Amino acid sequence: MRFFSKYLAAGCLSLFSLASHAESVKGLYQVRQPVSSQSAEVRDQATQEALDTLVLRLTGDPKAAQSPGLAAIRKDPQQIISQYGFDAGPPEVLKVDFDPATTEQALRRAGLSLWGANRPSILGWWLNDSAEGSSLVGDGQASAAPLRRAAQHRGLPLRLPLADLSEQLVATAPNLEGTDAAPLRGASERYSADALLAVHAREEGGQWQAKWHLWLGDQKEAGTVQGADQAAVADAVMLAVAERLAPRFVVKAGASSEQLLEVQGMNLERYAALGRLLDPFGAHLVSVDGDRIVYRVNGSAEQLRSQLSLAKLQEVPAGEAPAPAAPVQPAEGSAPVVAPAPAPVPQLRFRW
């Protein structure tokens, strides 16, 4: 334990060198709300909308903002706002920075489930069909801007492909609308994302509609959305994706059971990354034995499995748990040996 602890600070410096795909969402507590003017009335209305956006972003629950426990915050959002101001457009927006600590405390006091900043990275294959033709949205293209703004607005770490010729041949309408992710997986490997999002958006009669499919591990989600323009349909897709993902990762204060989690194959880089993954679960270090580490965490087994899958950890089957050490037998004629208290047995075991 002492040998390991000497290097904890150094391990934190290695945080970003670990090849873990999950990303910490930047600007999670900043909301950019479009406005029509800078009048006091418009500002107050936009501030309320920004609060609703943030609560939905942090909980994934469309009903959470109307929780009775948030009535005082809704009446006076300034309690959790650190600063705000207007940014010239287009479009003009009210930029509201919420204080992370007081915001989280307010949501937990209201009994709401929270989704931490560490979220699955999403690779978005997005095909637009309009009167101007069909085009795959690629990283760096002007058409990527509405997608990035929508992903940021909904608290999702979105990646986009290069959309080179080889990828355009793969990301066709049939493949994006299909129920099998196999055609996209090969082209997606070089981007090392946690989830695949396939979207086929069409413009018809001045309106946009989109069919989307999301794959995260062996789980799949799908849906259809509509919007007045590309920005609106992008926001609708990202909102739907966020609402589907959040229940797998949110941790509700006081409602989850306490349990012990063991992770095998640890090193300094992995220690730093694991700390980030377990932060929403209130993790406390219990013991270190070689490359094995034990944490006390608050959360359901399903939530922990979803969270640890972001770093590609594998669950250790119950039958592979290490056998307890044999008791030490005292030598003949020597004083009896007082056996140490048995170490607590982890309920969940994972390995890198």
Protein backbone atom coordinates (compact mmCIF):
# COMPACT_ATOMS: atom_id res chain seq x y z
CA MET A 1 0.00 0.00 0.00
CA ARG A 2 2.81 2.42 0.91
CA PHE A 3 4.72 1.51 -2.24
CA PHE A 4 1.66 2.25 -4.36
CA SER A 5 0.67 5.48 -2.63
CA LYS A 6 4.06 7.12 -3.29
CA TYR A 7 3.18 7.29 -6.93
CA LEU A 8 -0.44 8.43 -6.82
CA ALA A 9 0.41 12.01 -7.72
CA ALA A 10 2.56 10.88 -10.62
CA GLY A 11 -0.25 8.60 -11.75
CA CYS A 12 -2.62 11.56 -11.97
CA LEU A 13 -0.21 13.25 -14.36
CA SER A 14 -0.55 10.23 -16.66
CA LEU A 15 -4.31 10.68 -16.87
CA PHE A 16 -4.54 11.54 -20.52
CA SER A 17 -1.94 9.08 -21.77
CA LEU A 18 -4.14 6.05 -21.14
CA ALA A 19 -5.89 4.70 -24.20
CA SER A 20 -9.37 4.97 -22.72
CA HIS A 21 -12.12 5.97 -25.11
CA ALA A 22 -14.52 7.64 -22.69
CA GLU A 23 -14.28 11.41 -22.63
CA SER A 24 -14.82 14.04 -19.99
CA VAL A 25 -17.31 16.48 -21.50
CA LYS A 26 -15.90 20.00 -21.60
CA GLY A 27 -18.17 22.88 -20.71
CA LEU A 28 -20.73 20.58 -19.14
CA TYR A 29 -21.94 23.35 -16.82
CA GLN A 30 -22.03 26.09 -19.45
CA VAL A 31 -25.23 26.54 -21.47
CA ARG A 32 -25.50 28.68 -24.59
CA GLN A 33 -29.14 29.61 -25.05
CA PRO A 34 -30.21 31.39 -28.30
CA VAL A 35 -31.99 34.72 -27.75
CA SER A 36 -33.77 37.28 -29.93
CA SER A 37 -32.58 40.34 -27.95
CA GLN A 38 -30.77 41.43 -24.78
CA SER A 39 -33.84 42.76 -22.99
CA ALA A 40 -34.40 41.85 -19.35
CA GLU A 41 -37.52 39.86 -20.19
CA VAL A 42 -35.76 37.82 -22.87
CA ARG A 43 -32.76 37.33 -20.59
CA ASP A 44 -34.90 36.00 -17.72
CA GLN A 45 -36.75 33.63 -20.04
CA ALA A 46 -33.48 32.40 -21.57
CA THR A 47 -32.03 31.85 -18.10
CA GLN A 48 -34.96 29.59 -17.21
CA GLU A 49 -34.48 27.70 -20.47
CA ALA A 50 -30.76 27.37 -19.77
CA LEU A 51 -31.56 25.89 -16.35
CA ASP A 52 -33.94 23.39 -17.94
CA THR A 53 -31.26 22.49 -20.50
CA LEU A 54 -28.65 21.94 -17.80
CA VAL A 55 -30.91 19.79 -15.61
CA LEU A 56 -31.81 17.63 -18.58
CA ARG A 57 -28.13 17.43 -19.57
CA LEU A 58 -27.13 16.25 -16.10
CA THR A 59 -29.98 13.83 -15.48
CA GLY A 60 -31.24 12.67 -18.87
CA ASP A 61 -34.75 12.94 -17.40
CA PRO A 62 -37.11 15.30 -19.27
CA LYS A 63 -39.28 15.62 -16.15
CA ALA A 64 -36.44 16.41 -13.76
CA ALA A 65 -36.53 20.19 -14.22
CA GLN A 66 -40.10 20.26 -12.86
CA SER A 67 -39.15 18.37 -9.71
CA PRO A 68 -40.69 19.95 -6.58
CA GLY A 69 -37.24 19.87 -5.00
CA LEU A 70 -36.00 22.41 -7.55
CA ALA A 71 -38.80 24.93 -7.00
CA ALA A 72 -36.55 27.36 -5.12
CA ILE A 73 -33.83 27.11 -7.78
CA ARG A 74 -36.32 27.73 -10.56
CA LYS A 75 -37.59 30.79 -8.74
CA ASP A 76 -34.07 32.17 -8.36
CA PRO A 77 -31.54 30.44 -10.69
CA GLN A 78 -28.89 32.97 -9.64
CA GLN A 79 -28.25 30.74 -6.62
CA ILE A 80 -26.29 28.33 -8.80
CA ILE A 81 -25.05 30.69 -11.56
CA SER A 82 -21.44 31.88 -11.42
CA GLN A 83 -21.62 34.26 -14.40
CA TYR A 84 -23.50 35.00 -17.60
CA GLY A 85 -23.26 37.27 -20.62
CA PHE A 86 -24.30 37.70 -24.24
CA ASP A 87 -22.30 36.50 -27.24
CA ALA A 88 -22.91 38.05 -30.64
CA GLY A 89 -24.10 35.63 -33.29
CA PRO A 90 -25.33 34.54 -35.49
CA PRO A 91 -27.19 33.28 -33.61
CA GLU A 92 -26.96 35.60 -30.60
CA VAL A 93 -26.84 33.59 -27.39
CA LEU A 94 -27.01 34.06 -23.65
CA LYS A 95 -24.02 32.21 -22.20
CA VAL A 96 -24.73 30.98 -18.67
CA ASP A 97 -22.04 29.40 -16.48
CA PHE A 98 -23.48 27.34 -13.66
CA ASP A 99 -21.36 26.56 -10.62
CA PRO A 100 -20.67 22.79 -10.66
CA ALA A 101 -20.54 22.27 -6.89
CA THR A 102 -23.69 24.18 -5.92
CA THR A 103 -25.58 22.84 -8.94
CA GLU A 104 -24.75 19.24 -8.06
CA GLN A 105 -25.68 19.81 -4.42
CA ALA A 106 -29.04 21.30 -5.43
CA LEU A 107 -29.85 18.38 -7.74
CA ARG A 108 -28.87 15.79 -5.17
CA ARG A 109 -30.93 17.50 -2.48
CA ALA A 110 -33.86 17.28 -4.89
CA GLY A 111 -33.27 13.52 -5.09
CA LEU A 112 -32.36 13.58 -8.77
CA SER A 113 -30.14 11.07 -10.55
CA LEU A 114 -26.89 12.53 -11.92
CA TRP A 115 -24.77 11.61 -14.92
CA GLY A 116 -21.10 12.47 -14.43
CA ALA A 117 -18.91 14.33 -16.91
CA ASN A 118 -17.15 11.14 -18.02
CA ARG A 119 -19.34 9.89 -20.86
CA PRO A 120 -19.06 7.47 -23.79
CA SER A 121 -17.47 8.95 -26.89
CA ILE A 122 -19.77 8.76 -29.91
CA LEU A 123 -18.69 8.46 -33.53
CA GLY A 124 -21.37 10.02 -35.69
CA TRP A 125 -21.99 8.79 -39.22
CA TRP A 126 -24.37 11.47 -40.52
CA LEU A 127 -25.73 11.55 -44.07
CA ASN A 128 -27.73 14.58 -45.26
CA ASP A 129 -30.09 14.33 -48.24
CA SER A 130 -31.47 17.60 -49.61
CA ALA A 131 -32.35 19.27 -52.90
CA GLU A 132 -28.65 20.06 -53.26
CA GLY A 133 -27.69 16.39 -53.14
CA SER A 134 -26.45 13.78 -50.68
CA SER A 135 -23.41 14.38 -48.47
CA LEU A 136 -21.68 12.63 -45.58
CA VAL A 137 -20.82 15.09 -42.80
CA GLY A 138 -17.11 15.05 -42.09
CA ASP A 139 -14.85 16.54 -39.47
CA GLY A 140 -13.89 20.08 -40.46
CA GLN A 141 -16.78 20.63 -42.86
CA ALA A 142 -19.16 23.55 -42.42
CA SER A 143 -22.04 21.08 -42.14
CA ALA A 144 -20.41 19.67 -38.99
CA ALA A 145 -21.04 22.86 -36.99
CA PRO A 146 -24.76 22.21 -36.24
CA LEU A 147 -23.93 18.68 -35.12
CA ARG A 148 -21.17 19.82 -32.78
CA ARG A 149 -23.34 22.56 -31.29
CA ALA A 150 -26.18 20.08 -30.74
CA ALA A 151 -23.87 17.53 -29.11
CA GLN A 152 -22.42 20.18 -26.80
CA HIS A 153 -25.91 21.44 -25.97
CA ARG A 154 -26.95 17.95 -24.90
CA GLY A 155 -23.70 17.06 -23.13
CA LEU A 156 -22.40 14.42 -25.53
CA PRO A 157 -18.77 13.93 -26.67
CA LEU A 158 -19.23 13.63 -30.44
CA ARG A 159 -16.58 12.64 -32.96
CA LEU A 160 -17.00 12.83 -36.72
CA PRO A 161 -15.23 10.83 -39.42
CA LEU A 162 -13.04 12.34 -42.09
CA ALA A 163 -15.67 11.49 -44.71
CA ASP A 164 -13.06 10.54 -47.29
CA LEU A 165 -13.97 8.59 -50.41
CA SER A 166 -13.62 5.17 -48.79
CA GLU A 167 -15.93 6.20 -45.95
CA GLN A 168 -18.47 7.70 -48.32
CA LEU A 169 -18.70 4.32 -50.03
CA VAL A 170 -19.50 2.69 -46.67
CA ALA A 171 -21.79 5.30 -45.09
CA THR A 172 -24.64 4.86 -47.55
CA ALA A 173 -28.32 5.34 -46.79
CA PRO A 174 -29.03 1.56 -46.64
CA ASN A 175 -26.14 1.00 -44.24
CA LEU A 176 -27.09 3.93 -42.01
CA GLU A 177 -30.73 2.91 -41.85
CA GLY A 178 -29.96 -0.78 -41.39
CA THR A 179 -30.20 -2.61 -38.09
CA ASP A 180 -26.73 -4.18 -38.40
CA ALA A 181 -23.68 -2.10 -37.45
CA ALA A 182 -21.25 -4.50 -39.15
CA PRO A 183 -20.79 -2.40 -42.34
CA LEU A 184 -19.74 0.61 -40.23
CA ARG A 185 -17.58 -1.10 -37.64
CA GLY A 186 -14.59 -1.65 -39.88
CA ALA A 187 -14.50 1.98 -40.97
CA SER A 188 -14.97 3.09 -37.35
CA GLU A 189 -12.02 1.24 -35.82
CA ARG A 190 -9.47 4.00 -36.42
CA TYR A 191 -11.55 6.49 -34.42
CA SER A 192 -11.61 4.39 -31.23
CA ALA A 193 -15.03 5.55 -30.05
CA ASP A 194 -17.26 3.83 -27.50
CA ALA A 195 -20.49 4.13 -29.46
CA LEU A 196 -21.59 4.34 -33.10
CA LEU A 197 -24.34 6.71 -34.15
CA ALA A 198 -25.77 6.33 -37.65
CA VAL A 199 -28.11 9.06 -38.91
CA HIS A 200 -29.84 9.53 -42.24
CA ALA A 201 -31.41 12.99 -42.42
CA ARG A 202 -33.67 14.14 -45.26
CA GLU A 203 -35.24 17.42 -46.28
CA GLU A 204 -38.81 17.07 -47.50
CA GLY A 205 -41.24 19.91 -48.06
CA GLY A 206 -39.13 22.41 -46.18
CA GLN A 207 -38.89 20.17 -43.09
CA TRP A 208 -36.16 17.80 -41.95
CA GLN A 209 -36.58 14.32 -40.57
CA ALA A 210 -33.97 11.80 -39.51
CA LYS A 211 -33.72 8.12 -38.70
CA TRP A 212 -31.02 7.23 -36.21
CA HIS A 213 -29.43 4.10 -34.78
CA LEU A 214 -27.07 3.93 -31.82
CA TRP A 215 -24.84 1.00 -30.84
CA LEU A 216 -23.01 0.87 -27.50
CA GLY A 217 -21.46 -2.52 -26.87
CA ASP A 218 -24.13 -5.13 -27.50
CA GLN A 219 -26.98 -2.69 -26.84
CA LYS A 220 -28.85 -0.86 -29.57
CA GLU A 221 -31.23 2.08 -29.66
CA ALA A 222 -33.12 3.62 -32.58
CA GLY A 223 -35.65 6.32 -33.35
CA THR A 224 -37.01 8.95 -35.73
CA VAL A 225 -37.07 12.73 -35.19
CA GLN A 226 -38.19 15.84 -37.06
CA GLY A 227 -37.04 19.46 -37.16
CA ALA A 228 -37.56 22.72 -39.00
CA ASP A 229 -33.95 22.83 -40.21
CA GLN A 230 -30.64 20.99 -39.92
CA ALA A 231 -29.84 22.54 -36.53
CA ALA A 232 -33.22 21.55 -35.09
CA VAL A 233 -33.06 17.98 -36.32
CA ALA A 234 -29.47 17.65 -35.05
CA ASP A 235 -30.57 18.82 -31.60
CA ALA A 236 -33.51 16.41 -31.66
CA VAL A 237 -31.21 13.47 -32.45
CA MET A 238 -28.70 14.38 -29.73
CA LEU A 239 -31.48 14.87 -27.20
CA ALA A 240 -32.94 11.45 -27.98
CA VAL A 241 -29.51 9.80 -27.75
CA ALA A 242 -28.75 11.49 -24.41
CA GLU A 243 -32.07 10.39 -22.94
CA ARG A 244 -31.41 6.79 -23.98
CA LEU A 245 -27.84 6.72 -22.64
CA ALA A 246 -28.32 8.51 -19.33
CA PRO A 247 -30.27 5.75 -17.48
CA ARG A 248 -27.30 3.42 -17.90
CA PHE A 249 -24.90 5.75 -16.09
CA VAL A 250 -26.81 8.02 -13.69
CA VAL A 251 -26.24 7.55 -9.97
CA LYS A 252 -29.01 8.54 -7.58
CA ALA A 253 -27.89 9.73 -4.17
CA GLY A 254 -29.07 7.51 -1.33
CA ALA A 255 -30.78 4.99 -3.63
CA SER A 256 -27.83 2.80 -4.60
CA SER A 257 -26.34 0.03 -2.52
CA GLU A 258 -22.79 0.14 -1.14
CA GLN A 259 -20.53 -2.60 -2.40
CA LEU A 260 -16.89 -3.50 -2.90
CA LEU A 261 -15.32 -3.41 -6.34
CA GLU A 262 -12.03 -5.13 -7.15
CA VAL A 263 -10.05 -4.28 -10.29
CA GLN A 264 -7.10 -6.40 -11.40
CA GLY A 265 -4.18 -5.52 -13.65
CA MET A 266 -3.67 -2.03 -12.21
CA ASN A 267 -0.81 0.34 -12.93
CA LEU A 268 -0.34 4.07 -12.40
CA GLU A 269 -1.96 5.20 -15.64
CA ARG A 270 -4.93 2.94 -15.06
CA TYR A 271 -5.28 4.17 -11.49
CA ALA A 272 -5.79 7.73 -12.75
CA ALA A 273 -8.32 6.71 -15.40
CA LEU A 274 -10.20 4.45 -12.98
CA GLY A 275 -10.53 7.30 -10.52
CA ARG A 276 -12.28 9.38 -13.14
CA LEU A 277 -14.65 6.56 -14.06
CA LEU A 278 -15.62 5.89 -10.45
CA ASP A 279 -15.99 9.51 -9.36
CA PRO A 280 -19.81 9.52 -9.76
CA PHE A 281 -20.00 6.50 -7.44
CA GLY A 282 -18.29 8.17 -4.47
CA ALA A 283 -15.40 5.69 -4.62
CA HIS A 284 -13.16 5.22 -1.56
CA LEU A 285 -9.93 3.26 -1.72
CA VAL A 286 -10.01 0.21 0.58
CA SER A 287 -6.87 -1.76 -0.22
CA VAL A 288 -4.08 -2.35 -2.71
CA ASP A 289 -2.39 -5.74 -3.16
CA GLY A 290 0.08 -5.87 -6.03
CA ASP A 291 -1.87 -5.09 -9.18
CA ARG A 292 -5.23 -5.56 -7.42
CA ILE A 293 -7.14 -2.62 -6.00
CA VAL A 294 -10.39 -2.58 -4.02
CA TYR A 295 -12.81 0.35 -3.83
CA ARG A 296 -15.95 0.90 -1.81
CA VAL A 297 -18.55 2.37 -4.18
CA ASN A 298 -22.22 3.34 -4.19
CA GLY A 299 -24.09 2.16 -7.25
CA SER A 300 -25.90 -0.73 -8.82
CA ALA A 301 -24.03 -3.55 -10.52
CA GLU A 302 -25.60 -2.59 -13.85
CA GLN A 303 -24.42 1.01 -13.58
CA LEU A 304 -20.90 -0.03 -12.66
CA ARG A 305 -20.75 -2.50 -15.53
CA SER A 306 -21.84 0.21 -17.99
CA GLN A 307 -19.34 2.71 -16.60
CA LEU A 308 -16.38 0.33 -16.53
CA SER A 309 -17.12 -0.88 -20.05
CA LEU A 310 -16.10 2.60 -21.23
CA ALA A 311 -12.51 1.71 -20.36
CA LYS A 312 -12.88 -1.77 -21.87
CA LEU A 313 -12.62 -3.56 -18.52
CA GLN A 314 -13.80 -7.17 -18.43
CA GLU A 315 -15.78 -8.68 -15.57
CA VAL A 316 -14.11 -11.60 -13.82
CA PRO A 317 -16.45 -14.60 -13.51
CA ALA A 318 -17.26 -15.63 -9.95
CA GLY A 319 -15.52 -18.97 -10.43
CA GLU A 320 -12.19 -17.24 -11.12
CA ALA A 321 -12.05 -15.39 -7.80
CA PRO A 322 -8.78 -16.03 -5.90
CA ALA A 323 -8.99 -18.60 -3.14
CA PRO A 324 -8.65 -17.32 0.42
CA ALA A 325 -5.20 -17.73 2.01
CA ALA A 326 -4.74 -20.82 4.17
CA PRO A 327 -4.55 -20.09 7.90
CA VAL A 328 -1.06 -20.07 9.43
CA GLN A 329 -0.46 -23.04 11.76
CA PRO A 330 1.73 -22.27 14.82
CA ALA A 331 4.82 -24.38 15.44
CA GLU A 332 4.57 -26.98 18.16
CA GLY A 333 5.06 -25.42 21.58
CA SER A 334 4.83 -21.83 20.35
CA ALA A 335 2.24 -19.26 21.33
CA PRO A 336 -1.03 -19.37 19.42
CA VAL A 337 -1.18 -17.15 16.35
CA VAL A 338 -4.01 -14.65 16.33
CA ALA A 339 -5.54 -14.84 12.88
CA PRO A 340 -6.18 -11.47 11.23
CA ALA A 341 -9.74 -10.51 10.46
CA PRO A 342 -10.78 -11.82 7.07
CA ALA A 343 -10.59 -9.27 4.29
CA PRO A 344 -13.96 -8.13 2.94
CA VAL A 345 -15.00 -9.97 -0.20
CA PRO A 346 -15.68 -7.78 -3.27
CA GLN A 347 -19.09 -8.25 -4.86
CA LEU A 348 -17.78 -7.24 -8.30
CA ARG A 349 -14.45 -8.05 -9.91
CA PHE A 350 -13.03 -6.63 -13.14
CA ARG A 351 -9.71 -6.75 -14.96
CA TRP A 352 -7.97 -4.73 -17.63
